[in-house]
Each structure stands twice: as structure tokens, then as C-alpha cells.
Amino acid sequence: AAMDVFRACAKVDERSKRVLDLTAVIIDMNPA
């Protein structure tokens, strides 16, 4: 679910606080 949203944000090159928070969620699950 997190990666599905991440792909959508990356597609439009969104650089925002909410995407920053999203990366922390994903890194917690997959730090590599």
C-alpha cells in the first residue's frame, strides 16, 4: 500500500512534507 502511493508521487515528482513522511514509513519496513 505504501509503495503504491509512493510510485504515484514519484511519477509526478512530488517533493513535499507528506512524501517525506511516507519515505520514513517505507524505510522503516525496507531500509535498503
Full PDB file with SEQRES, HELIX, SHEET, SSBOND, CRYST1, ORIGX, SCALE, CONECT and MASTER records, all heavy atoms in Angstrom:
SEQRES   1 A   32  ALA ALA MET ASP VAL PHE ARG ALA CYS ALA LYS VAL ASP          
SEQRES   2 A   32  GLU ARG SER LYS ARG VAL LEU ASP LEU THR ALA VAL ILE          
SEQRES   3 A   32  ILE ASP MET ASN PRO ALA                                      
HELIX    1 AA1 ALA A    2  LYS A   11  1                                  10    
HELIX    2 AA2 LYS A   17  MET A   29  1                                  13    
CRYST1    1.000    1.000    1.000  90.00  90.00  90.00 P 1           1          
ORIGX1      1.000000  0.000000  0.000000        0.00000                         
ORIGX2      0.000000  1.000000  0.000000        0.00000                         
ORIGX3      0.000000  0.000000  1.000000        0.00000                         
SCALE1      1.000000  0.000000  0.000000        0.00000                         
SCALE2      0.000000  1.000000  0.000000        0.00000                         
SCALE3      0.000000  0.000000  1.000000        0.00000                         
ATOM      1  N   ALA A   1       0.836  -1.206   0.000  1.00  0.00           N  
ATOM      2  CA  ALA A   1       0.000   0.000   0.000  1.00  0.00           C  
ATOM      3  C   ALA A   1       0.871   1.257   0.000  1.00  0.00           C  
ATOM      4  O   ALA A   1       0.603   2.222  -0.731  1.00  0.00           O  
ATOM      5  CB  ALA A   1      -0.921  -0.002   1.223  1.00  0.00           C  
ATOM      6  N   ALA A   2       1.928   1.244   0.814  1.00  0.00           N  
ATOM      7  CA  ALA A   2       2.820   2.404   0.880  1.00  0.00           C  
ATOM      8  C   ALA A   2       3.546   2.610  -0.448  1.00  0.00           C  
ATOM      9  O   ALA A   2       3.678   3.736  -0.941  1.00  0.00           O  
ATOM     10  CB  ALA A   2       3.830   2.217   2.013  1.00  0.00           C  
ATOM     11  N   MET A   3       4.009   1.520  -1.054  1.00  0.00           N  
ATOM     12  CA  MET A   3       4.741   1.631  -2.313  1.00  0.00           C  
ATOM     13  C   MET A   3       3.828   2.042  -3.467  1.00  0.00           C  
ATOM     14  O   MET A   3       4.269   2.755  -4.390  1.00  0.00           O  
ATOM     15  CB  MET A   3       5.439   0.310  -2.644  1.00  0.00           C  
ATOM     16  CG  MET A   3       6.692   0.043  -1.826  1.00  0.00           C  
ATOM     17  SD  MET A   3       7.928   1.371  -1.985  1.00  0.00           S  
ATOM     18  CE  MET A   3       8.227   1.365  -3.764  1.00  0.00           C  
ATOM     19  N   ASP A   4       2.582   1.628  -3.426  1.00  0.00           N  
ATOM     20  CA  ASP A   4       1.633   2.033  -4.475  1.00  0.00           C  
ATOM     21  C   ASP A   4       1.464   3.559  -4.471  1.00  0.00           C  
ATOM     22  O   ASP A   4       1.443   4.207  -5.527  1.00  0.00           O  
ATOM     23  CB  ASP A   4       0.275   1.359  -4.257  1.00  0.00           C  
ATOM     24  CG  ASP A   4       0.321  -0.144  -4.523  1.00  0.00           C  
ATOM     25  OD1 ASP A   4       1.366  -0.616  -5.013  1.00  0.00           O  
ATOM     26  OD2 ASP A   4      -0.677  -0.828  -4.216  1.00  0.00           O  
ATOM     27  N   VAL A   5       1.367   4.135  -3.271  1.00  0.00           N  
ATOM     28  CA  VAL A   5       1.252   5.590  -3.155  1.00  0.00           C  
ATOM     29  C   VAL A   5       2.579   6.254  -3.545  1.00  0.00           C  
ATOM     30  O   VAL A   5       2.596   7.288  -4.226  1.00  0.00           O  
ATOM     31  CB  VAL A   5       0.848   5.990  -1.717  1.00  0.00           C  
ATOM     32  CG1 VAL A   5       0.880   7.506  -1.551  1.00  0.00           C  
ATOM     33  CG2 VAL A   5      -0.540   5.450  -1.383  1.00  0.00           C  
ATOM     34  N   PHE A   6       3.666   5.642  -3.129  1.00  0.00           N  
ATOM     35  CA  PHE A   6       4.990   6.196  -3.433  1.00  0.00           C  
ATOM     36  C   PHE A   6       5.203   6.295  -4.951  1.00  0.00           C  
ATOM     37  O   PHE A   6       5.709   7.303  -5.452  1.00  0.00           O  
ATOM     38  CB  PHE A   6       6.073   5.326  -2.792  1.00  0.00           C  
ATOM     39  CG  PHE A   6       7.479   5.761  -3.116  1.00  0.00           C  
ATOM     40  CD1 PHE A   6       8.080   6.803  -2.424  1.00  0.00           C  
ATOM     41  CD2 PHE A   6       8.193   5.144  -4.136  1.00  0.00           C  
ATOM     42  CE1 PHE A   6       9.368   7.214  -2.729  1.00  0.00           C  
ATOM     43  CE2 PHE A   6       9.489   5.546  -4.452  1.00  0.00           C  
ATOM     44  CZ  PHE A   6      10.076   6.581  -3.746  1.00  0.00           C  
ATOM     45  N   ARG A   7       4.838   5.241  -5.677  1.00  0.00           N  
ATOM     46  CA  ARG A   7       5.002   5.259  -7.143  1.00  0.00           C  
ATOM     47  C   ARG A   7       4.209   6.406  -7.768  1.00  0.00           C  
ATOM     48  O   ARG A   7       4.685   7.084  -8.678  1.00  0.00           O  
ATOM     49  CB  ARG A   7       4.543   3.932  -7.747  1.00  0.00           C  
ATOM     50  CG  ARG A   7       5.444   2.759  -7.438  1.00  0.00           C  
ATOM     51  CD  ARG A   7       5.036   1.500  -8.195  1.00  0.00           C  
ATOM     52  NE  ARG A   7       5.592   0.338  -7.525  1.00  0.00           N  
ATOM     53  CZ  ARG A   7       4.962  -0.382  -6.610  1.00  0.00           C  
ATOM     54  NH1 ARG A   7       3.709  -0.072  -6.283  1.00  0.00           N  
ATOM     55  NH2 ARG A   7       5.549  -1.398  -6.030  1.00  0.00           N  
ATOM     56  N   ALA A   8       3.013   6.612  -7.257  1.00  0.00           N  
ATOM     57  CA  ALA A   8       2.180   7.685  -7.800  1.00  0.00           C  
ATOM     58  C   ALA A   8       2.802   9.055  -7.535  1.00  0.00           C  
ATOM     59  O   ALA A   8       2.801   9.930  -8.419  1.00  0.00           O  
ATOM     60  CB  ALA A   8       0.776   7.610  -7.183  1.00  0.00           C  
ATOM     61  N   CYS A   9       3.357   9.234  -6.369  1.00  0.00           N  
ATOM     62  CA  CYS A   9       4.004  10.512  -6.038  1.00  0.00           C  
ATOM     63  C   CYS A   9       5.283  10.704  -6.849  1.00  0.00           C  
ATOM     64  O   CYS A   9       5.579  11.814  -7.319  1.00  0.00           O  
ATOM     65  CB  CYS A   9       4.322  10.572  -4.551  1.00  0.00           C  
ATOM     66  SG  CYS A   9       2.856  10.615  -3.490  1.00  0.00           S  
ATOM     67  N   ALA A  10       6.047   9.614  -7.000  1.00  0.00           N  
ATOM     68  CA  ALA A  10       7.301   9.695  -7.761  1.00  0.00           C  
ATOM     69  C   ALA A  10       7.020  10.010  -9.228  1.00  0.00           C  
ATOM     70  O   ALA A  10       7.784  10.723  -9.881  1.00  0.00           O  
ATOM     71  CB  ALA A  10       8.073   8.389  -7.629  1.00  0.00           C  
ATOM     72  N   LYS A  11       5.908   9.499  -9.729  1.00  0.00           N  
ATOM     73  CA  LYS A  11       5.559   9.716 -11.142  1.00  0.00           C  
ATOM     74  C   LYS A  11       5.376  11.198 -11.449  1.00  0.00           C  
ATOM     75  O   LYS A  11       5.760  11.681 -12.526  1.00  0.00           O  
ATOM     76  CB  LYS A  11       4.291   8.945 -11.494  1.00  0.00           C  
ATOM     77  CG  LYS A  11       3.909   9.039 -12.966  1.00  0.00           C  
ATOM     78  CD  LYS A  11       2.687   8.190 -13.283  1.00  0.00           C  
ATOM     79  CE  LYS A  11       2.337   8.276 -14.757  1.00  0.00           C  
ATOM     80  NZ  LYS A  11       1.145   7.442 -15.088  1.00  0.00           N  
ATOM     81  N   VAL A  12       4.818  11.934 -10.490  1.00  0.00           N  
ATOM     82  CA  VAL A  12       4.593  13.380 -10.701  1.00  0.00           C  
ATOM     83  C   VAL A  12       5.679  14.224 -10.028  1.00  0.00           C  
ATOM     84  O   VAL A  12       5.582  15.440  -9.975  1.00  0.00           O  
ATOM     85  CB  VAL A  12       3.195  13.793 -10.186  1.00  0.00           C  
ATOM     86  CG1 VAL A  12       2.113  13.069 -10.980  1.00  0.00           C  
ATOM     87  CG2 VAL A  12       3.057  13.503  -8.687  1.00  0.00           C  
ATOM     88  N   ASP A  13       6.717  13.530  -9.512  1.00  0.00           N  
ATOM     89  CA  ASP A  13       7.859  14.199  -8.875  1.00  0.00           C  
ATOM     90  C   ASP A  13       7.409  15.130  -7.754  1.00  0.00           C  
ATOM     91  O   ASP A  13       7.869  16.271  -7.635  1.00  0.00           O  
ATOM     92  CB  ASP A  13       8.674  14.978  -9.912  1.00  0.00           C  
ATOM     93  CG  ASP A  13      10.042  15.384  -9.389  1.00  0.00           C  
ATOM     94  OD1 ASP A  13      10.540  14.739  -8.448  1.00  0.00           O  
ATOM     95  OD2 ASP A  13      10.612  16.364  -9.918  1.00  0.00           O  
ATOM     96  N   GLU A  14       6.525  14.625  -6.907  1.00  0.00           N  
ATOM     97  CA  GLU A  14       6.074  15.435  -5.772  1.00  0.00           C  
ATOM     98  C   GLU A  14       7.143  15.455  -4.690  1.00  0.00           C  
ATOM     99  O   GLU A  14       7.622  14.406  -4.237  1.00  0.00           O  
ATOM    100  CB  GLU A  14       4.771  14.870  -5.192  1.00  0.00           C  
ATOM    101  CG  GLU A  14       4.277  15.684  -3.994  1.00  0.00           C  
ATOM    102  CD  GLU A  14       2.984  15.166  -3.393  1.00  0.00           C  
ATOM    103  OE1 GLU A  14       2.167  14.569  -4.134  1.00  0.00           O  
ATOM    104  OE2 GLU A  14       2.786  15.354  -2.172  1.00  0.00           O  
ATOM    105  N   ARG A  15       7.509  16.641  -4.263  1.00  0.00           N  
ATOM    106  CA  ARG A  15       8.521  16.804  -3.213  1.00  0.00           C  
ATOM    107  C   ARG A  15       7.874  17.623  -2.086  1.00  0.00           C  
ATOM    108  O   ARG A  15       7.862  18.847  -2.128  1.00  0.00           O  
ATOM    109  CB  ARG A  15       9.764  17.497  -3.749  1.00  0.00           C  
ATOM    110  CG  ARG A  15      10.354  16.771  -4.953  1.00  0.00           C  
ATOM    111  CD  ARG A  15      11.616  17.436  -5.483  1.00  0.00           C  
ATOM    112  NE  ARG A  15      12.103  16.758  -6.669  1.00  0.00           N  
ATOM    113  CZ  ARG A  15      13.284  16.981  -7.232  1.00  0.00           C  
ATOM    114  NH1 ARG A  15      14.106  17.881  -6.702  1.00  0.00           N  
ATOM    115  NH2 ARG A  15      13.647  16.316  -8.313  1.00  0.00           N  
ATOM    116  N   SER A  16       7.330  16.928  -1.129  1.00  0.00           N  
ATOM    117  CA  SER A  16       6.535  17.597  -0.094  1.00  0.00           C  
ATOM    118  C   SER A  16       6.777  16.956   1.265  1.00  0.00           C  
ATOM    119  O   SER A  16       7.447  15.921   1.386  1.00  0.00           O  
ATOM    120  CB  SER A  16       5.047  17.483  -0.445  1.00  0.00           C  
ATOM    121  OG  SER A  16       4.675  16.100  -0.467  1.00  0.00           O  
ATOM    122  N   LYS A  17       6.217  17.590   2.295  1.00  0.00           N  
ATOM    123  CA  LYS A  17       6.336  17.069   3.652  1.00  0.00           C  
ATOM    124  C   LYS A  17       5.654  15.716   3.768  1.00  0.00           C  
ATOM    125  O   LYS A  17       6.156  14.810   4.449  1.00  0.00           O  
ATOM    126  CB  LYS A  17       5.697  18.060   4.629  1.00  0.00           C  
ATOM    127  CG  LYS A  17       5.657  17.606   6.086  1.00  0.00           C  
ATOM    128  CD  LYS A  17       7.048  17.446   6.661  1.00  0.00           C  
ATOM    129  CE  LYS A  17       7.002  17.265   8.190  1.00  0.00           C  
ATOM    130  NZ  LYS A  17       6.233  16.093   8.625  1.00  0.00           N  
ATOM    131  N   ARG A  18       4.509  15.533   3.105  1.00  0.00           N  
ATOM    132  CA  ARG A  18       3.810  14.261   3.231  1.00  0.00           C  
ATOM    133  C   ARG A  18       4.586  13.122   2.563  1.00  0.00           C  
ATOM    134  O   ARG A  18       4.582  11.986   3.044  1.00  0.00           O  
ATOM    135  CB  ARG A  18       2.377  14.360   2.683  1.00  0.00           C  
ATOM    136  CG  ARG A  18       2.266  14.583   1.185  1.00  0.00           C  
ATOM    137  CD  ARG A  18       0.813  14.587   0.743  1.00  0.00           C  
ATOM    138  NE  ARG A  18       0.673  14.730  -0.713  1.00  0.00           N  
ATOM    139  CZ  ARG A  18      -0.488  14.652  -1.353  1.00  0.00           C  
ATOM    140  NH1 ARG A  18      -1.615  14.445  -0.674  1.00  0.00           N  
ATOM    141  NH2 ARG A  18      -0.535  14.783  -2.670  1.00  0.00           N  
ATOM    142  N   VAL A  19       5.252  13.419   1.456  1.00  0.00           N  
ATOM    143  CA  VAL A  19       6.076  12.388   0.811  1.00  0.00           C  
ATOM    144  C   VAL A  19       7.302  12.090   1.677  1.00  0.00           C  
ATOM    145  O   VAL A  19       7.733  10.940   1.791  1.00  0.00           O  
ATOM    146  CB  VAL A  19       6.494  12.818  -0.604  1.00  0.00           C  
ATOM    147  CG1 VAL A  19       7.461  11.800  -1.212  1.00  0.00           C  
ATOM    148  CG2 VAL A  19       5.262  12.973  -1.501  1.00  0.00           C  
ATOM    149  N   LEU A  20       7.846  13.113   2.318  1.00  0.00           N  
ATOM    150  CA  LEU A  20       8.962  12.915   3.253  1.00  0.00           C  
ATOM    151  C   LEU A  20       8.541  11.953   4.368  1.00  0.00           C  
ATOM    152  O   LEU A  20       9.286  11.014   4.710  1.00  0.00           O  
ATOM    153  CB  LEU A  20       9.394  14.256   3.842  1.00  0.00           C  
ATOM    154  CG  LEU A  20      10.595  14.242   4.800  1.00  0.00           C  
ATOM    155  CD1 LEU A  20      11.861  13.828   4.077  1.00  0.00           C  
ATOM    156  CD2 LEU A  20      10.776  15.617   5.439  1.00  0.00           C  
ATOM    157  N   ASP A  21       7.356  12.164   4.900  1.00  0.00           N  
ATOM    158  CA  ASP A  21       6.842  11.271   5.950  1.00  0.00           C  
ATOM    159  C   ASP A  21       6.615   9.861   5.406  1.00  0.00           C  
ATOM    160  O   ASP A  21       6.860   8.872   6.103  1.00  0.00           O  
ATOM    161  CB  ASP A  21       5.534  11.823   6.515  1.00  0.00           C  
ATOM    162  CG  ASP A  21       5.727  13.134   7.269  1.00  0.00           C  
ATOM    163  OD1 ASP A  21       6.878  13.415   7.676  1.00  0.00           O  
ATOM    164  OD2 ASP A  21       4.745  13.882   7.432  1.00  0.00           O  
ATOM    165  N   LEU A  22       6.162   9.796   4.163  1.00  0.00           N  
ATOM    166  CA  LEU A  22       5.926   8.496   3.543  1.00  0.00           C  
ATOM    167  C   LEU A  22       7.234   7.716   3.403  1.00  0.00           C  
ATOM    168  O   LEU A  22       7.272   6.498   3.634  1.00  0.00           O  
ATOM    169  CB  LEU A  22       5.271   8.681   2.169  1.00  0.00           C  
ATOM    170  CG  LEU A  22       5.042   7.414   1.336  1.00  0.00           C  
ATOM    171  CD1 LEU A  22       4.096   6.448   2.055  1.00  0.00           C  
ATOM    172  CD2 LEU A  22       4.494   7.772  -0.050  1.00  0.00           C  
ATOM    173  N   THR A  23       8.289   8.401   3.035  1.00  0.00           N  
ATOM    174  CA  THR A  23       9.577   7.695   2.887  1.00  0.00           C  
ATOM    175  C   THR A  23      10.018   7.092   4.221  1.00  0.00           C  
ATOM    176  O   THR A  23      10.595   5.996   4.249  1.00  0.00           O  
ATOM    177  CB  THR A  23      10.684   8.637   2.363  1.00  0.00           C  
ATOM    178  OG1 THR A  23      10.917   9.698   3.300  1.00  0.00           O  
ATOM    179  CG2 THR A  23      10.324   9.198   1.002  1.00  0.00           C  
ATOM    180  N   ALA A  24       9.744   7.788   5.329  1.00  0.00           N  
ATOM    181  CA  ALA A  24      10.112   7.252   6.641  1.00  0.00           C  
ATOM    182  C   ALA A  24       9.353   5.959   6.941  1.00  0.00           C  
ATOM    183  O   ALA A  24       9.909   5.010   7.518  1.00  0.00           O  
ATOM    184  CB  ALA A  24       9.856   8.286   7.728  1.00  0.00           C  
ATOM    185  N   VAL A  25       8.089   5.923   6.520  1.00  0.00           N  
ATOM    186  CA  VAL A  25       7.275   4.716   6.722  1.00  0.00           C  
ATOM    187  C   VAL A  25       7.875   3.551   5.928  1.00  0.00           C  
ATOM    188  O   VAL A  25       8.023   2.435   6.442  1.00  0.00           O  
ATOM    189  CB  VAL A  25       5.818   4.968   6.286  1.00  0.00           C  
ATOM    190  CG1 VAL A  25       5.027   3.661   6.298  1.00  0.00           C  
ATOM    191  CG2 VAL A  25       5.155   6.001   7.198  1.00  0.00           C  
ATOM    192  N   ILE A  26       8.239   3.809   4.680  1.00  0.00           N  
ATOM    193  CA  ILE A  26       8.783   2.745   3.834  1.00  0.00           C  
ATOM    194  C   ILE A  26      10.162   2.318   4.316  1.00  0.00           C  
ATOM    195  O   ILE A  26      10.477   1.116   4.362  1.00  0.00           O  
ATOM    196  CB  ILE A  26       8.835   3.205   2.362  1.00  0.00           C  
ATOM    197  CG1 ILE A  26       7.428   3.513   1.863  1.00  0.00           C  
ATOM    198  CG2 ILE A  26       9.498   2.142   1.484  1.00  0.00           C  
ATOM    199  CD1 ILE A  26       7.379   4.140   0.481  1.00  0.00           C  
ATOM    200  N   ILE A  27      10.998   3.284   4.694  1.00  0.00           N  
ATOM    201  CA  ILE A  27      12.343   2.952   5.183  1.00  0.00           C  
ATOM    202  C   ILE A  27      12.271   2.092   6.435  1.00  0.00           C  
ATOM    203  O   ILE A  27      13.092   1.183   6.634  1.00  0.00           O  
ATOM    204  CB  ILE A  27      13.143   4.248   5.447  1.00  0.00           C  
ATOM    205  CG1 ILE A  27      13.555   4.880   4.106  1.00  0.00           C  
ATOM    206  CG2 ILE A  27      14.373   3.985   6.316  1.00  0.00           C  
ATOM    207  CD1 ILE A  27      14.092   6.285   4.214  1.00  0.00           C  
ATOM    208  N   ASP A  28      11.257   2.342   7.264  1.00  0.00           N  
ATOM    209  CA  ASP A  28      11.097   1.518   8.465  1.00  0.00           C  
ATOM    210  C   ASP A  28      10.836   0.060   8.098  1.00  0.00           C  
ATOM    211  O   ASP A  28      11.252  -0.852   8.815  1.00  0.00           O  
ATOM    212  CB  ASP A  28       9.934   2.067   9.299  1.00  0.00           C  
ATOM    213  CG  ASP A  28       9.821   1.364  10.642  1.00  0.00           C  
ATOM    214  OD1 ASP A  28      10.834   1.311  11.365  1.00  0.00           O  
ATOM    215  OD2 ASP A  28       8.732   0.864  10.970  1.00  0.00           O  
ATOM    216  N   MET A  29      10.199  -0.156   6.960  1.00  0.00           N  
ATOM    217  CA  MET A  29       9.915  -1.527   6.513  1.00  0.00           C  
ATOM    218  C   MET A  29      11.024  -2.082   5.622  1.00  0.00           C  
ATOM    219  O   MET A  29      11.270  -3.285   5.607  1.00  0.00           O  
ATOM    220  CB  MET A  29       8.568  -1.559   5.768  1.00  0.00           C  
ATOM    221  CG  MET A  29       7.367  -1.262   6.651  1.00  0.00           C  
ATOM    222  SD  MET A  29       5.788  -1.434   5.762  1.00  0.00           S  
ATOM    223  CE  MET A  29       5.732   0.126   4.844  1.00  0.00           C  
ATOM    224  N   ASN A  30      11.675  -1.199   4.877  1.00  0.00           N  
ATOM    225  CA  ASN A  30      12.719  -1.635   3.947  1.00  0.00           C  
ATOM    226  C   ASN A  30      13.831  -0.576   3.891  1.00  0.00           C  
ATOM    227  O   ASN A  30      13.870   0.255   2.991  1.00  0.00           O  
ATOM    228  CB  ASN A  30      12.128  -1.860   2.545  1.00  0.00           C  
ATOM    229  CG  ASN A  30      13.178  -2.338   1.552  1.00  0.00           C  
ATOM    230  OD1 ASN A  30      14.311  -2.650   1.917  1.00  0.00           O  
ATOM    231  ND2 ASN A  30      12.809  -2.389   0.272  1.00  0.00           N  
ATOM    232  N   PRO A  31      14.758  -0.605   4.856  1.00  0.00           N  
ATOM    233  CA  PRO A  31      15.780   0.450   4.950  1.00  0.00           C  
ATOM    234  C   PRO A  31      16.828   0.407   3.834  1.00  0.00           C  
ATOM    235  O   PRO A  31      17.656   1.315   3.754  1.00  0.00           O  
ATOM    236  CB  PRO A  31      16.429   0.178   6.314  1.00  0.00           C  
ATOM    237  CG  PRO A  31      16.176  -1.265   6.577  1.00  0.00           C  
ATOM    238  CD  PRO A  31      14.841  -1.568   5.970  1.00  0.00           C  
ATOM    239  N   ALA A  32      16.785  -0.601   2.982  1.00  0.00           N  
ATOM    240  CA  ALA A  32      17.769  -0.692   1.895  1.00  0.00           C  
ATOM    241  C   ALA A  32      17.205  -0.200   0.562  1.00  0.00           C  
ATOM    242  O   ALA A  32      17.837  -0.394  -0.482  1.00  0.00           O  
ATOM    243  CB  ALA A  32      18.256  -2.129   1.752  1.00  0.00           C  
TER     244      ALA A  32                                                      
MASTER        0    0    0    2    0    0    0    6  243    1    0    3          
END                                                                             
